Structure formats: structure tokens, C-alpha cells
Amino acid sequence: MKGKFLSKNFSTLVWTDKATAALVILGLACCAAAPAESETPATPVVSQPFKPQCPEVDDVFVTLIGNPDKCTTYFVCDRGIPVTMNCPAGLHFNDNEKACDWPHKACCDVSLDVEQKCV
């Protein structure tokens, strides 16, 4: 049981290997004493969730709007109200085709566009 501790309570750790215990203690002391990078806390960037704009009156065709915040969902407009819908498992909504599609073809997640077809 070299390097293992016998107690799950971190305030009373019992180490079977003194060298491992010393390294852990030194590592914790090192990290705890490190100075902060900045005295002023960074202001978090808060993004607003996407709010689709649906037409008040339904057209002959259903209005479908992709969700840029979550590629696996899209919105169906119903008398001016967006209703969230889910694509089948493993698919993303393709806003150009107005259908659920393979993620690399949907152009929603740019990290999946290895062929640079979505640019």
C-alpha cells in the first residue's frame, strides 16, 4: 500500500509512505502560498440567452429557428411563441436546411467544421 492513505478524512490523513506524505504537504504549502495574479477580481462576462423572434401570425410554412446556444435544439414558432424542440440523439439543427443533421454538416458548432465548409 505504498503511497496510499488509510483515512478518507483529510484532517487526519494516515499515510503509509512518508515520502509521499511530505510531497503532498510541500505541494499544498507551495500552492497555498502562491500570490494572487490580480488584486481586483475579474468581471465575469454574462451572455444573454438567445431569444428567437417569431412572427405573430403563422405562415403557410412552419417557422423553424436554430438555437445558437444549444446546437441539439431548435425553435418552432406557434402564433408568435417559440417552442423549444430537440433533435434526435447525435444530431444538430442545421439552420440552412431547417432540419436536424449530422453535426459536421449542421454548421452550428464551428469546432466540428474541419473541412471549413461553414465559413
N, C-alpha and C. Protein backbone atom coordinates (compact mmCIF):
# COMPACT_ATOMS: atom_id res chain seq x y z
N MET A 1 0.83 -1.19 0.00
CA MET A 1 0.00 0.00 0.00
C MET A 1 0.87 1.25 0.00
N LYS A 2 1.93 1.23 -0.70
CA LYS A 2 2.82 2.37 -0.72
C LYS A 2 2.15 3.56 -1.38
N GLY A 3 2.22 4.73 -0.74
CA GLY A 3 1.69 5.95 -1.29
C GLY A 3 0.19 6.11 -1.11
N LYS A 4 -0.45 5.20 -0.44
CA LYS A 4 -1.90 5.28 -0.23
C LYS A 4 -2.17 5.82 1.17
N PHE A 5 -3.31 6.48 1.31
CA PHE A 5 -3.67 6.92 2.65
C PHE A 5 -4.77 6.01 3.18
N LEU A 6 -4.83 5.89 4.48
CA LEU A 6 -5.74 4.96 5.11
C LEU A 6 -7.04 5.61 5.57
N SER A 7 -7.07 6.93 5.68
CA SER A 7 -8.25 7.62 6.18
C SER A 7 -8.81 8.51 5.09
N LYS A 8 -10.13 8.59 4.98
CA LYS A 8 -10.75 9.48 4.00
C LYS A 8 -10.95 10.87 4.58
N ASN A 9 -10.80 11.03 5.86
CA ASN A 9 -10.92 12.34 6.49
C ASN A 9 -9.60 13.07 6.32
N PHE A 10 -9.60 14.14 5.51
CA PHE A 10 -8.35 14.81 5.16
C PHE A 10 -7.69 15.52 6.33
N SER A 11 -8.42 15.77 7.40
CA SER A 11 -7.79 16.40 8.56
C SER A 11 -6.98 15.39 9.37
N THR A 12 -7.23 14.11 9.19
CA THR A 12 -6.49 13.08 9.92
C THR A 12 -5.95 12.03 8.97
N LEU A 13 -5.26 12.48 7.92
CA LEU A 13 -4.70 11.54 6.96
C LEU A 13 -3.62 10.67 7.61
N VAL A 14 -3.66 9.41 7.36
CA VAL A 14 -2.64 8.49 7.84
C VAL A 14 -1.97 7.92 6.61
N TRP A 15 -0.74 8.30 6.35
CA TRP A 15 -0.02 7.88 5.15
C TRP A 15 0.84 6.66 5.45
N THR A 16 0.93 5.79 4.48
CA THR A 16 1.77 4.61 4.64
C THR A 16 3.17 4.87 4.09
N ASP A 17 3.34 5.94 3.37
CA ASP A 17 4.64 6.27 2.78
C ASP A 17 4.97 7.71 3.17
N LYS A 18 5.99 7.91 3.99
CA LYS A 18 6.33 9.25 4.49
C LYS A 18 6.79 10.17 3.38
N ALA A 19 7.48 9.64 2.37
CA ALA A 19 7.95 10.48 1.27
C ALA A 19 6.77 11.05 0.49
N THR A 20 5.77 10.25 0.23
CA THR A 20 4.58 10.73 -0.49
C THR A 20 3.86 11.77 0.34
N ALA A 21 3.74 11.54 1.62
CA ALA A 21 3.07 12.49 2.51
C ALA A 21 3.81 13.83 2.50
N ALA A 22 5.14 13.78 2.54
CA ALA A 22 5.94 15.02 2.54
C ALA A 22 5.73 15.78 1.24
N LEU A 23 5.71 15.10 0.11
CA LEU A 23 5.50 15.76 -1.18
C LEU A 23 4.12 16.41 -1.25
N VAL A 24 3.13 15.73 -0.75
CA VAL A 24 1.78 16.29 -0.76
C VAL A 24 1.72 17.53 0.11
N ILE A 25 2.30 17.46 1.30
CA ILE A 25 2.28 18.60 2.21
C ILE A 25 3.05 19.77 1.60
N LEU A 26 4.23 19.51 1.02
CA LEU A 26 5.01 20.56 0.39
C LEU A 26 4.27 21.15 -0.81
N GLY A 27 3.63 20.31 -1.58
CA GLY A 27 2.88 20.78 -2.73
C GLY A 27 1.73 21.68 -2.31
N LEU A 28 1.04 21.31 -1.25
CA LEU A 28 -0.07 22.12 -0.76
C LEU A 28 0.45 23.44 -0.20
N ALA A 29 1.57 23.39 0.50
CA ALA A 29 2.15 24.61 1.06
C ALA A 29 2.60 25.53 -0.07
N CYS A 30 3.16 24.96 -1.11
CA CYS A 30 3.62 25.75 -2.25
C CYS A 30 2.48 26.49 -2.91
N CYS A 31 1.40 25.75 -3.16
CA CYS A 31 0.27 26.32 -3.87
C CYS A 31 -0.51 27.30 -3.00
N ALA A 32 -0.59 27.02 -1.72
CA ALA A 32 -1.34 27.90 -0.82
C ALA A 32 -0.63 29.23 -0.64
N ALA A 33 0.70 29.26 -0.75
CA ALA A 33 1.46 30.48 -0.55
C ALA A 33 1.63 31.28 -1.84
N ALA A 34 1.17 30.77 -2.96
CA ALA A 34 1.34 31.48 -4.23
C ALA A 34 0.54 32.77 -4.21
N PRO A 35 1.14 33.89 -4.66
CA PRO A 35 0.44 35.17 -4.66
C PRO A 35 -0.66 35.18 -5.73
N ALA A 36 -1.69 35.92 -5.46
CA ALA A 36 -2.78 36.06 -6.43
C ALA A 36 -2.29 36.85 -7.63
N GLU A 37 -2.81 36.53 -8.82
CA GLU A 37 -2.39 37.22 -10.04
C GLU A 37 -2.88 38.66 -10.05
N SER A 38 -4.04 38.90 -9.51
CA SER A 38 -4.61 40.23 -9.56
C SER A 38 -5.34 40.52 -8.27
N GLU A 39 -5.21 41.72 -7.78
CA GLU A 39 -5.91 42.11 -6.56
C GLU A 39 -7.38 42.40 -6.85
N THR A 40 -7.67 42.88 -8.07
CA THR A 40 -9.03 43.20 -8.46
C THR A 40 -9.67 41.99 -9.12
N PRO A 41 -10.81 41.54 -8.64
CA PRO A 41 -11.45 40.39 -9.27
C PRO A 41 -11.93 40.74 -10.68
N ALA A 42 -11.80 39.78 -11.58
CA ALA A 42 -12.23 40.00 -12.96
C ALA A 42 -13.75 40.03 -13.02
N THR A 43 -14.26 40.89 -13.89
CA THR A 43 -15.70 40.97 -14.09
C THR A 43 -16.12 39.85 -15.02
N PRO A 44 -17.03 38.98 -14.57
CA PRO A 44 -17.44 37.87 -15.44
C PRO A 44 -18.25 38.38 -16.63
N VAL A 45 -18.07 37.72 -17.75
CA VAL A 45 -18.82 38.05 -18.95
C VAL A 45 -20.11 37.25 -18.91
N VAL A 46 -21.22 37.94 -18.89
CA VAL A 46 -22.52 37.28 -18.82
C VAL A 46 -23.20 37.45 -20.16
N SER A 47 -23.43 36.32 -20.83
CA SER A 47 -24.11 36.40 -22.11
C SER A 47 -25.59 36.15 -21.91
N GLN A 48 -26.37 36.85 -22.68
CA GLN A 48 -27.82 36.69 -22.61
C GLN A 48 -28.22 35.47 -23.43
N PRO A 49 -29.18 34.70 -22.95
CA PRO A 49 -29.64 33.56 -23.74
C PRO A 49 -30.32 34.04 -25.02
N PHE A 50 -30.22 33.22 -26.04
CA PHE A 50 -30.81 33.54 -27.34
C PHE A 50 -32.34 33.57 -27.22
N LYS A 51 -32.94 34.63 -27.74
CA LYS A 51 -34.40 34.76 -27.74
C LYS A 51 -34.86 34.88 -29.19
N PRO A 52 -35.43 33.83 -29.74
CA PRO A 52 -35.86 33.89 -31.14
C PRO A 52 -37.04 34.85 -31.34
N GLN A 53 -37.06 35.47 -32.50
CA GLN A 53 -38.15 36.37 -32.86
C GLN A 53 -39.09 35.64 -33.81
N CYS A 54 -40.24 35.23 -33.32
CA CYS A 54 -41.23 34.53 -34.12
C CYS A 54 -42.24 35.52 -34.69
N PRO A 55 -42.70 35.25 -35.91
CA PRO A 55 -43.75 36.11 -36.46
C PRO A 55 -45.05 35.93 -35.67
N GLU A 56 -45.81 37.00 -35.51
CA GLU A 56 -47.07 36.95 -34.76
C GLU A 56 -48.09 36.02 -35.40
N VAL A 57 -48.09 36.01 -36.74
CA VAL A 57 -49.05 35.19 -37.48
C VAL A 57 -48.29 34.07 -38.18
N ASP A 58 -48.75 32.84 -38.03
CA ASP A 58 -48.09 31.71 -38.68
C ASP A 58 -48.24 31.81 -40.19
N ASP A 59 -47.17 31.49 -40.88
CA ASP A 59 -47.14 31.47 -42.34
C ASP A 59 -47.71 30.12 -42.81
N VAL A 60 -47.78 29.95 -44.13
CA VAL A 60 -48.20 28.66 -44.68
C VAL A 60 -47.22 27.58 -44.25
N PHE A 61 -45.93 27.94 -44.21
CA PHE A 61 -44.89 27.01 -43.78
C PHE A 61 -44.54 27.28 -42.32
N VAL A 62 -44.14 26.26 -41.62
CA VAL A 62 -43.74 26.39 -40.22
C VAL A 62 -42.43 27.18 -40.15
N THR A 63 -42.32 28.08 -39.19
CA THR A 63 -41.09 28.83 -38.98
C THR A 63 -40.21 28.06 -38.00
N LEU A 64 -39.01 27.68 -38.45
CA LEU A 64 -38.04 26.97 -37.63
C LEU A 64 -36.82 27.86 -37.45
N ILE A 65 -36.33 27.98 -36.23
CA ILE A 65 -35.18 28.83 -35.92
C ILE A 65 -34.17 28.02 -35.12
N GLY A 66 -32.92 28.01 -35.57
CA GLY A 66 -31.87 27.30 -34.85
C GLY A 66 -31.53 27.99 -33.54
N ASN A 67 -31.04 27.22 -32.59
CA ASN A 67 -30.64 27.75 -31.29
C ASN A 67 -29.12 27.80 -31.23
N PRO A 68 -28.52 28.98 -31.36
CA PRO A 68 -27.05 29.07 -31.32
C PRO A 68 -26.45 28.73 -29.96
N ASP A 69 -27.26 28.74 -28.91
CA ASP A 69 -26.77 28.42 -27.56
C ASP A 69 -26.68 26.91 -27.32
N LYS A 70 -27.48 26.14 -28.05
CA LYS A 70 -27.50 24.68 -27.86
C LYS A 70 -27.85 24.04 -29.20
N CYS A 71 -26.84 23.50 -29.86
CA CYS A 71 -26.98 23.00 -31.23
C CYS A 71 -27.97 21.86 -31.37
N THR A 72 -28.26 21.15 -30.30
CA THR A 72 -29.15 20.00 -30.39
C THR A 72 -30.62 20.38 -30.28
N THR A 73 -30.89 21.68 -30.15
CA THR A 73 -32.28 22.14 -30.07
C THR A 73 -32.55 23.19 -31.13
N TYR A 74 -33.84 23.42 -31.39
CA TYR A 74 -34.29 24.47 -32.30
C TYR A 74 -35.65 24.94 -31.82
N PHE A 75 -36.17 25.99 -32.44
CA PHE A 75 -37.46 26.54 -32.05
C PHE A 75 -38.45 26.41 -33.19
N VAL A 76 -39.68 26.05 -32.85
CA VAL A 76 -40.80 26.06 -33.79
C VAL A 76 -41.70 27.20 -33.33
N CYS A 77 -42.05 28.10 -34.25
CA CYS A 77 -42.91 29.22 -33.90
C CYS A 77 -44.37 28.82 -33.98
N ASP A 78 -45.11 29.14 -32.91
CA ASP A 78 -46.53 28.83 -32.85
C ASP A 78 -47.27 30.10 -32.43
N ARG A 79 -47.85 30.80 -33.40
CA ARG A 79 -48.58 32.04 -33.17
C ARG A 79 -47.75 33.05 -32.38
N GLY A 80 -46.50 33.23 -32.80
CA GLY A 80 -45.61 34.21 -32.19
C GLY A 80 -44.83 33.72 -30.99
N ILE A 81 -45.06 32.51 -30.56
CA ILE A 81 -44.37 31.96 -29.37
C ILE A 81 -43.39 30.88 -29.80
N PRO A 82 -42.10 31.03 -29.44
CA PRO A 82 -41.13 29.99 -29.77
C PRO A 82 -41.27 28.78 -28.84
N VAL A 83 -41.33 27.60 -29.42
CA VAL A 83 -41.43 26.35 -28.66
C VAL A 83 -40.14 25.58 -28.90
N THR A 84 -39.43 25.22 -27.84
CA THR A 84 -38.16 24.51 -27.96
C THR A 84 -38.41 23.05 -28.34
N MET A 85 -37.67 22.60 -29.34
CA MET A 85 -37.76 21.21 -29.81
C MET A 85 -36.35 20.61 -29.76
N ASN A 86 -36.26 19.30 -29.60
CA ASN A 86 -34.98 18.60 -29.55
C ASN A 86 -34.76 17.81 -30.83
N CYS A 87 -33.52 17.83 -31.31
CA CYS A 87 -33.15 16.95 -32.42
C CYS A 87 -32.97 15.54 -31.86
N PRO A 88 -33.11 14.52 -32.71
CA PRO A 88 -32.81 13.16 -32.25
C PRO A 88 -31.36 13.06 -31.75
N ALA A 89 -31.10 12.11 -30.90
CA ALA A 89 -29.77 11.93 -30.29
C ALA A 89 -28.68 11.89 -31.36
N GLY A 90 -27.63 12.67 -31.13
CA GLY A 90 -26.47 12.67 -32.02
C GLY A 90 -26.57 13.65 -33.17
N LEU A 91 -27.68 14.36 -33.30
CA LEU A 91 -27.85 15.31 -34.41
C LEU A 91 -27.90 16.74 -33.90
N HIS A 92 -27.53 17.68 -34.79
CA HIS A 92 -27.61 19.11 -34.53
C HIS A 92 -28.59 19.73 -35.52
N PHE A 93 -29.15 20.88 -35.15
CA PHE A 93 -30.07 21.55 -36.07
C PHE A 93 -29.27 22.32 -37.11
N ASN A 94 -29.59 22.09 -38.37
CA ASN A 94 -28.97 22.77 -39.50
C ASN A 94 -29.91 23.91 -39.88
N ASP A 95 -29.53 25.15 -39.55
CA ASP A 95 -30.39 26.31 -39.77
C ASP A 95 -30.56 26.62 -41.26
N ASN A 96 -29.59 26.25 -42.08
CA ASN A 96 -29.71 26.48 -43.53
C ASN A 96 -30.71 25.52 -44.16
N GLU A 97 -30.69 24.27 -43.74
CA GLU A 97 -31.59 23.25 -44.28
C GLU A 97 -32.92 23.18 -43.52
N LYS A 98 -32.96 23.82 -42.34
CA LYS A 98 -34.14 23.80 -41.47
C LYS A 98 -34.52 22.36 -41.09
N ALA A 99 -33.50 21.59 -40.71
CA ALA A 99 -33.70 20.19 -40.31
C ALA A 99 -32.55 19.75 -39.42
N CYS A 100 -32.77 18.70 -38.66
CA CYS A 100 -31.70 18.11 -37.86
C CYS A 100 -30.78 17.34 -38.81
N ASP A 101 -29.48 17.45 -38.55
CA ASP A 101 -28.48 16.94 -39.48
C ASP A 101 -27.28 16.44 -38.68
N TRP A 102 -26.34 15.79 -39.38
CA TRP A 102 -25.09 15.37 -38.74
C TRP A 102 -24.35 16.61 -38.26
N PRO A 103 -23.75 16.57 -37.07
CA PRO A 103 -23.09 17.76 -36.51
C PRO A 103 -22.08 18.43 -37.44
N HIS A 104 -21.30 17.65 -38.18
CA HIS A 104 -20.29 18.28 -39.05
C HIS A 104 -20.92 18.95 -40.28
N LYS A 105 -22.19 18.66 -40.57
CA LYS A 105 -22.89 19.29 -41.68
C LYS A 105 -23.80 20.43 -41.23
N ALA A 106 -24.16 20.45 -39.95
CA ALA A 106 -25.13 21.42 -39.45
C ALA A 106 -24.58 22.84 -39.34
N CYS A 107 -23.28 22.98 -39.23
CA CYS A 107 -22.62 24.30 -39.14
C CYS A 107 -23.05 25.09 -37.91
N CYS A 108 -23.40 24.41 -36.85
CA CYS A 108 -23.75 25.10 -35.61
C CYS A 108 -22.53 25.21 -34.70
N ASP A 109 -21.78 24.13 -34.56
CA ASP A 109 -20.57 24.09 -33.74
C ASP A 109 -19.37 24.20 -34.67
N VAL A 110 -18.74 25.39 -34.71
CA VAL A 110 -17.65 25.62 -35.65
C VAL A 110 -16.44 24.72 -35.40
N SER A 111 -16.30 24.19 -34.19
CA SER A 111 -15.17 23.30 -33.92
C SER A 111 -15.29 21.98 -34.68
N LEU A 112 -16.48 21.65 -35.17
CA LEU A 112 -16.69 20.41 -35.92
C LEU A 112 -16.54 20.61 -37.43
N ASP A 113 -16.33 21.85 -37.85
CA ASP A 113 -16.23 22.17 -39.28
C ASP A 113 -14.78 22.00 -39.76
N VAL A 114 -14.32 20.78 -39.80
CA VAL A 114 -12.92 20.50 -40.17
C VAL A 114 -12.64 20.80 -41.63
N GLU A 115 -13.65 20.73 -42.49
CA GLU A 115 -13.47 20.99 -43.92
C GLU A 115 -13.68 22.46 -44.28
N GLN A 116 -13.96 23.30 -43.29
CA GLN A 116 -14.17 24.74 -43.49
C GLN A 116 -15.28 25.04 -44.49
N LYS A 117 -16.37 24.26 -44.44
CA LYS A 117 -17.50 24.46 -45.35
C LYS A 117 -18.52 25.43 -44.79
N CYS A 118 -18.44 25.73 -43.53
CA CYS A 118 -19.45 26.58 -42.88
C CYS A 118 -19.08 28.05 -42.86
N VAL A 119 -17.92 28.38 -43.37
CA VAL A 119 -17.45 29.77 -43.29
C VAL A 119 -18.18 30.65 -44.25
